[in-house]
């Protein structure tokens, strides 16, 4: 299955608790951290929820 890399580019400070939990579920704990995840609808939905805090790296 295809994978995508997600990088956190904006701080989680001031974000609602559900967005902080979404970042935790993606495995993003620190600023500029990068994780590689499978390209599934669930992961894409989580990325969409915090799209203002992350960027997809190709």
N, C-alpha and C. Protein backbone atom coordinates (compact mmCIF):
# COMPACT_ATOMS: atom_id res chain seq x y z
N UNK A 1 0.83 -1.18 0.00
CA UNK A 1 0.00 0.00 0.00
C UNK A 1 0.88 1.25 0.00
N UNK A 2 0.39 2.32 -0.59
CA UNK A 2 1.15 3.56 -0.67
C UNK A 2 1.27 4.21 0.70
N UNK A 3 2.35 4.95 0.89
CA UNK A 3 2.55 5.66 2.14
C UNK A 3 2.71 7.15 1.87
N UNK A 4 2.43 7.95 2.88
CA UNK A 4 2.62 9.39 2.79
C UNK A 4 3.40 9.84 4.02
N UNK A 5 4.17 10.90 3.86
CA UNK A 5 4.91 11.47 4.98
C UNK A 5 4.22 12.75 5.41
N UNK A 6 4.02 12.89 6.71
CA UNK A 6 3.33 14.04 7.27
C UNK A 6 4.30 14.75 8.21
N UNK A 7 4.40 16.07 8.06
CA UNK A 7 5.30 16.87 8.88
C UNK A 7 4.50 17.93 9.61
N UNK A 8 4.75 18.07 10.92
CA UNK A 8 4.09 19.11 11.70
C UNK A 8 4.88 20.41 11.51
N UNK A 9 4.20 21.46 11.02
CA UNK A 9 4.88 22.71 10.72
C UNK A 9 4.42 23.87 11.59
N UNK A 10 3.37 23.66 12.38
CA UNK A 10 2.86 24.71 13.25
C UNK A 10 2.63 24.12 14.63
N UNK A 11 2.81 24.95 15.66
CA UNK A 11 2.72 24.49 17.03
C UNK A 11 1.30 24.08 17.40
N UNK A 12 1.21 23.12 18.31
CA UNK A 12 -0.08 22.66 18.81
C UNK A 12 -0.60 23.55 19.93
N UNK A 13 0.21 24.49 20.41
CA UNK A 13 -0.21 25.37 21.50
C UNK A 13 -1.39 26.21 21.03
N UNK A 14 -2.45 26.21 21.79
CA UNK A 14 -3.64 26.97 21.45
C UNK A 14 -4.65 26.20 20.61
N UNK A 15 -4.29 25.00 20.18
CA UNK A 15 -5.22 24.19 19.39
C UNK A 15 -6.21 23.51 20.33
N UNK A 16 -7.41 23.24 19.85
CA UNK A 16 -8.38 22.52 20.68
C UNK A 16 -7.87 21.12 21.03
N UNK A 17 -8.39 20.56 22.10
CA UNK A 17 -7.92 19.27 22.61
C UNK A 17 -8.11 18.15 21.59
N UNK A 18 -9.19 18.20 20.79
CA UNK A 18 -9.39 17.14 19.81
C UNK A 18 -8.32 17.18 18.72
N UNK A 19 -7.85 18.36 18.37
CA UNK A 19 -6.78 18.46 17.37
C UNK A 19 -5.44 18.00 17.96
N UNK A 20 -5.22 18.28 19.24
CA UNK A 20 -4.01 17.79 19.89
C UNK A 20 -4.01 16.26 19.94
N UNK A 21 -5.16 15.69 20.21
CA UNK A 21 -5.26 14.22 20.23
C UNK A 21 -5.09 13.62 18.85
N UNK A 22 -5.55 14.33 17.83
CA UNK A 22 -5.35 13.86 16.46
C UNK A 22 -3.87 13.86 16.10
N UNK A 23 -3.15 14.91 16.50
CA UNK A 23 -1.70 14.94 16.27
C UNK A 23 -1.02 13.78 17.00
N UNK A 24 -1.45 13.51 18.23
CA UNK A 24 -0.88 12.39 18.98
C UNK A 24 -1.16 11.06 18.27
N UNK A 25 -2.37 10.91 17.74
CA UNK A 25 -2.74 9.67 17.04
C UNK A 25 -1.92 9.50 15.76
N UNK A 26 -1.55 10.61 15.13
CA UNK A 26 -0.70 10.53 13.94
C UNK A 26 0.76 10.27 14.31
N UNK A 27 1.11 10.45 15.59
CA UNK A 27 2.48 10.23 16.02
C UNK A 27 3.32 11.48 15.96
N UNK A 28 2.68 12.64 15.83
CA UNK A 28 3.40 13.91 15.77
C UNK A 28 3.43 14.52 17.16
N UNK A 29 4.59 14.54 17.78
CA UNK A 29 4.71 15.04 19.14
C UNK A 29 5.44 16.38 19.22
N UNK A 30 6.37 16.64 18.30
CA UNK A 30 7.16 17.86 18.32
C UNK A 30 7.05 18.59 16.99
N UNK A 31 7.35 19.87 17.02
CA UNK A 31 7.38 20.68 15.81
C UNK A 31 8.46 20.15 14.87
N UNK A 32 8.17 20.13 13.59
CA UNK A 32 9.07 19.65 12.53
C UNK A 32 9.30 18.15 12.56
N UNK A 33 8.53 17.40 13.33
CA UNK A 33 8.66 15.95 13.30
C UNK A 33 7.94 15.40 12.07
N UNK A 34 8.47 14.31 11.54
CA UNK A 34 7.92 13.69 10.33
C UNK A 34 7.60 12.24 10.63
N UNK A 35 6.42 11.80 10.21
CA UNK A 35 6.03 10.40 10.34
C UNK A 35 5.58 9.89 8.98
N UNK A 36 5.74 8.60 8.77
CA UNK A 36 5.30 7.97 7.53
C UNK A 36 4.12 7.06 7.85
N UNK A 37 3.01 7.30 7.20
CA UNK A 37 1.78 6.56 7.45
C UNK A 37 1.25 5.98 6.14
N UNK A 38 0.44 4.93 6.27
CA UNK A 38 -0.21 4.36 5.10
C UNK A 38 -1.29 5.30 4.60
N UNK A 39 -1.51 5.28 3.31
CA UNK A 39 -2.48 6.17 2.67
C UNK A 39 -3.87 5.53 2.74
N UNK A 40 -4.52 5.66 3.90
CA UNK A 40 -5.86 5.11 4.10
C UNK A 40 -6.85 6.26 4.30
N UNK A 41 -8.13 6.02 4.11
CA UNK A 41 -9.12 7.08 4.33
C UNK A 41 -9.11 7.60 5.76
N UNK A 42 -8.82 6.74 6.74
CA UNK A 42 -8.79 7.18 8.12
C UNK A 42 -7.65 8.17 8.37
N UNK A 43 -6.48 7.87 7.85
CA UNK A 43 -5.33 8.75 8.01
C UNK A 43 -5.56 10.06 7.28
N UNK A 44 -6.12 9.99 6.07
CA UNK A 44 -6.39 11.22 5.31
C UNK A 44 -7.41 12.09 6.03
N UNK A 45 -8.37 11.49 6.70
CA UNK A 45 -9.34 12.25 7.48
C UNK A 45 -8.69 12.95 8.66
N UNK A 46 -7.75 12.27 9.31
CA UNK A 46 -7.04 12.88 10.43
C UNK A 46 -6.17 14.03 9.94
N UNK A 47 -5.52 13.85 8.80
CA UNK A 47 -4.70 14.93 8.23
C UNK A 47 -5.58 16.12 7.86
N UNK A 48 -6.75 15.85 7.32
CA UNK A 48 -7.66 16.93 6.95
C UNK A 48 -8.12 17.72 8.17
N UNK A 49 -8.26 17.05 9.29
CA UNK A 49 -8.71 17.73 10.51
C UNK A 49 -7.67 18.72 11.03
N UNK A 50 -6.39 18.41 10.85
CA UNK A 50 -5.32 19.29 11.33
C UNK A 50 -4.49 19.85 10.18
N UNK A 51 -5.13 20.07 9.05
CA UNK A 51 -4.42 20.50 7.85
C UNK A 51 -3.71 21.85 8.00
N UNK A 52 -4.16 22.68 8.95
CA UNK A 52 -3.52 23.96 9.17
C UNK A 52 -2.27 23.83 10.05
N UNK A 53 -2.03 22.66 10.62
CA UNK A 53 -0.87 22.42 11.47
C UNK A 53 0.19 21.54 10.81
N UNK A 54 -0.20 20.83 9.75
CA UNK A 54 0.72 19.86 9.12
C UNK A 54 0.83 20.12 7.63
N UNK A 55 1.81 19.48 7.03
CA UNK A 55 1.98 19.50 5.59
C UNK A 55 2.38 18.09 5.16
N UNK A 56 1.90 17.69 3.98
CA UNK A 56 2.24 16.37 3.44
C UNK A 56 3.52 16.52 2.63
N UNK A 57 4.54 15.76 2.99
CA UNK A 57 5.84 15.80 2.32
C UNK A 57 5.89 14.67 1.32
N UNK A 58 6.27 14.95 0.11
CA UNK A 58 6.38 13.91 -0.92
C UNK A 58 7.79 13.40 -1.01
